[in-house]
Structures are given as C-alpha cells and as structure tokens.
Amino acid sequence: MMKFLSLFIFIITYSWSFANTEAEALNVQSKLEKEASCELVSRLAFLAVENFSKDLELDQVKDLLDPVLRSAIERLDTVVQKKFVETEYERIILETYLSNDLTPKYYAKRYLSLCNRL
C-alpha cells in the first residue's frame, strides 16, 4: 500500500511539474523571436526619437507611430512577442520623450544591444 501511495504521489508531482514547465515555455520567447522583437522595438525607438527631435508632443508621436505599431504587431507570430513589443514600445516611447538630445541611430543601437542581453 505504501509503495502504491508513494508511486501515486510521484506521478502526481511529476505531472504537475511537467505542466508548469510547459506553461512557462509558452510564456518565454525563443532566442530568434526575442531578437526579432528587440529589433522591431529598436526601429520604433528610432522613429520615436526622430519625431521627438522635431519638437512634437508625446500624444502627437503616439498618434503618428500607432499605425506602424499596429501593423508590426499584426505580423508577429506569438502572443508573447506581441505583448513584449507593446510593453517595450510603451516604455521606450515614454523614455525617449523624457530624454532630450538623443540621436535616433545611437538610441536605437543602444536599445537593441541592451534588449538582446535580457
């Protein structure tokens, strides 16, 4: 009876840990997906810095870049990629707005190198 009970507990525990691993795998981007997402956001960052250097306001830049963002997100494969790009876009749009005197190319390259390290 003890062997049966311990085997049953082992099977339940193994199944539970396997299910958690599968759920975590769905929430993690592959290396290629991550690189593609980072590159997309770095291009959006370039456009954001470029537009902010023209003395546009935050809402104006968001309105200009929103169609670009929506079009890019539609082409992404996974929900994780879409969520990552949307979240990072919101972060970088605010960061670029608050930072003055940025060079678009420099900021995009810096973002890309930092993003790929995550």
Protein backbone atom coordinates (compact mmCIF):
# COMPACT_ATOMS: atom_id res chain seq x y z
CA MET A 1 0.00 0.00 0.00
CA MET A 2 2.84 2.43 0.81
CA LYS A 3 4.57 1.68 -2.49
CA PHE A 4 1.35 2.35 -4.37
CA LEU A 5 0.77 5.60 -2.46
CA SER A 6 4.33 6.83 -3.00
CA LEU A 7 4.15 5.92 -6.71
CA PHE A 8 0.86 7.79 -6.97
CA ILE A 9 2.36 10.87 -5.26
CA PHE A 10 5.41 10.69 -7.54
CA ILE A 11 3.22 10.56 -10.67
CA ILE A 12 1.08 13.48 -9.49
CA THR A 13 4.15 15.55 -8.59
CA TYR A 14 5.86 14.77 -11.90
CA SER A 15 2.73 15.61 -13.89
CA TRP A 16 2.30 18.88 -12.02
CA SER A 17 5.92 19.94 -12.55
CA PHE A 18 5.74 19.00 -16.25
CA ALA A 19 2.56 21.06 -16.65
CA ASN A 20 4.27 24.07 -15.02
CA THR A 21 7.27 23.69 -17.31
CA GLU A 22 5.02 23.65 -20.38
CA ALA A 23 3.16 26.74 -19.17
CA GLU A 24 6.45 28.57 -18.60
CA ALA A 25 7.70 27.56 -22.04
CA LEU A 26 4.66 29.18 -23.62
CA ASN A 27 5.44 32.47 -21.86
CA VAL A 28 9.09 32.61 -22.93
CA GLN A 29 10.24 33.74 -26.33
CA SER A 30 12.75 31.75 -28.27
CA LYS A 31 16.07 33.43 -28.98
CA LEU A 32 15.08 34.22 -32.57
CA GLU A 33 11.71 35.60 -31.51
CA LYS A 34 13.40 37.74 -28.87
CA GLU A 35 15.91 39.12 -31.39
CA ALA A 36 13.13 39.93 -33.84
CA SER A 37 11.08 41.62 -31.12
CA CYS A 38 14.07 43.65 -29.94
CA GLU A 39 14.86 44.74 -33.49
CA LEU A 40 11.28 45.83 -34.05
CA VAL A 41 11.22 47.87 -30.86
CA SER A 42 14.59 49.43 -31.67
CA ARG A 43 13.20 50.59 -35.02
CA LEU A 44 10.19 52.07 -33.24
CA ALA A 45 12.59 53.74 -30.80
CA PHE A 46 14.47 55.26 -33.74
CA LEU A 47 11.24 56.68 -35.12
CA ALA A 48 10.19 57.97 -31.71
CA VAL A 49 13.48 59.81 -31.11
CA GLU A 50 13.42 61.19 -34.64
CA ASN A 51 9.91 62.58 -34.15
CA PHE A 52 10.60 63.97 -30.69
CA SER A 53 13.59 65.84 -32.12
CA LYS A 54 11.08 67.71 -34.30
CA ASP A 55 9.52 69.15 -31.11
CA LEU A 56 6.39 67.02 -31.33
CA GLU A 57 4.46 66.22 -28.16
CA LEU A 58 4.02 62.74 -26.71
CA ASP A 59 0.45 62.33 -27.93
CA GLN A 60 1.38 63.51 -31.42
CA VAL A 61 4.19 60.98 -31.69
CA LYS A 62 1.96 58.20 -30.36
CA ASP A 63 -0.66 59.10 -32.98
CA LEU A 64 1.98 59.06 -35.72
CA LEU A 65 3.52 55.75 -34.67
CA ASP A 66 0.34 53.90 -33.69
CA PRO A 67 -0.41 52.64 -37.25
CA VAL A 68 3.19 51.49 -37.58
CA LEU A 69 2.99 49.67 -34.24
CA ARG A 70 -0.35 48.01 -35.05
CA SER A 71 0.87 46.88 -38.47
CA ALA A 72 4.05 45.43 -36.99
CA ILE A 73 2.21 43.64 -34.18
CA GLU A 74 -0.19 42.02 -36.65
CA ARG A 75 2.76 40.37 -38.36
CA LEU A 76 4.21 38.85 -35.20
CA ASP A 77 3.68 35.15 -34.66
CA THR A 78 3.11 34.67 -30.96
CA VAL A 79 1.12 36.38 -28.24
CA VAL A 80 4.28 36.60 -26.14
CA GLN A 81 6.04 38.56 -28.89
CA LYS A 82 3.06 40.88 -29.28
CA LYS A 83 2.86 41.54 -25.55
CA PHE A 84 6.63 42.13 -25.33
CA VAL A 85 6.61 44.62 -28.22
CA GLU A 86 3.60 46.52 -26.87
CA THR A 87 5.11 46.73 -23.38
CA GLU A 88 8.54 47.76 -24.58
CA TYR A 89 7.05 50.27 -27.00
CA GLU A 90 5.14 51.98 -24.20
CA ARG A 91 8.31 52.05 -22.11
CA ILE A 92 10.61 53.41 -24.81
CA ILE A 93 8.11 55.98 -26.05
CA LEU A 94 7.97 57.49 -22.57
CA GLU A 95 11.73 57.16 -22.06
CA THR A 96 12.51 58.88 -25.35
CA TYR A 97 10.03 61.64 -24.58
CA LEU A 98 11.64 62.32 -21.21
CA SER A 99 15.19 62.17 -22.60
CA ASN A 100 16.34 65.16 -24.57
CA ASP A 101 19.18 65.46 -27.06
CA LEU A 102 19.17 61.84 -28.18
CA THR A 103 20.46 60.80 -31.56
CA PRO A 104 17.93 58.39 -33.15
CA LYS A 105 20.51 55.98 -34.52
CA TYR A 106 22.51 55.91 -31.28
CA TYR A 107 19.42 55.32 -29.13
CA ALA A 108 18.14 52.52 -31.38
CA LYS A 109 21.50 50.74 -31.37
CA ARG A 110 21.85 51.14 -27.61
CA TYR A 111 18.35 49.79 -27.03
CA LEU A 112 18.99 46.84 -29.34
CA SER A 113 22.21 45.87 -27.57
CA LEU A 114 20.58 46.12 -24.13
CA CYS A 115 17.44 44.27 -25.20
CA ASN A 116 19.37 41.35 -26.67
CA ARG A 117 21.19 40.90 -23.34
CA LEU A 118 17.94 40.29 -21.44
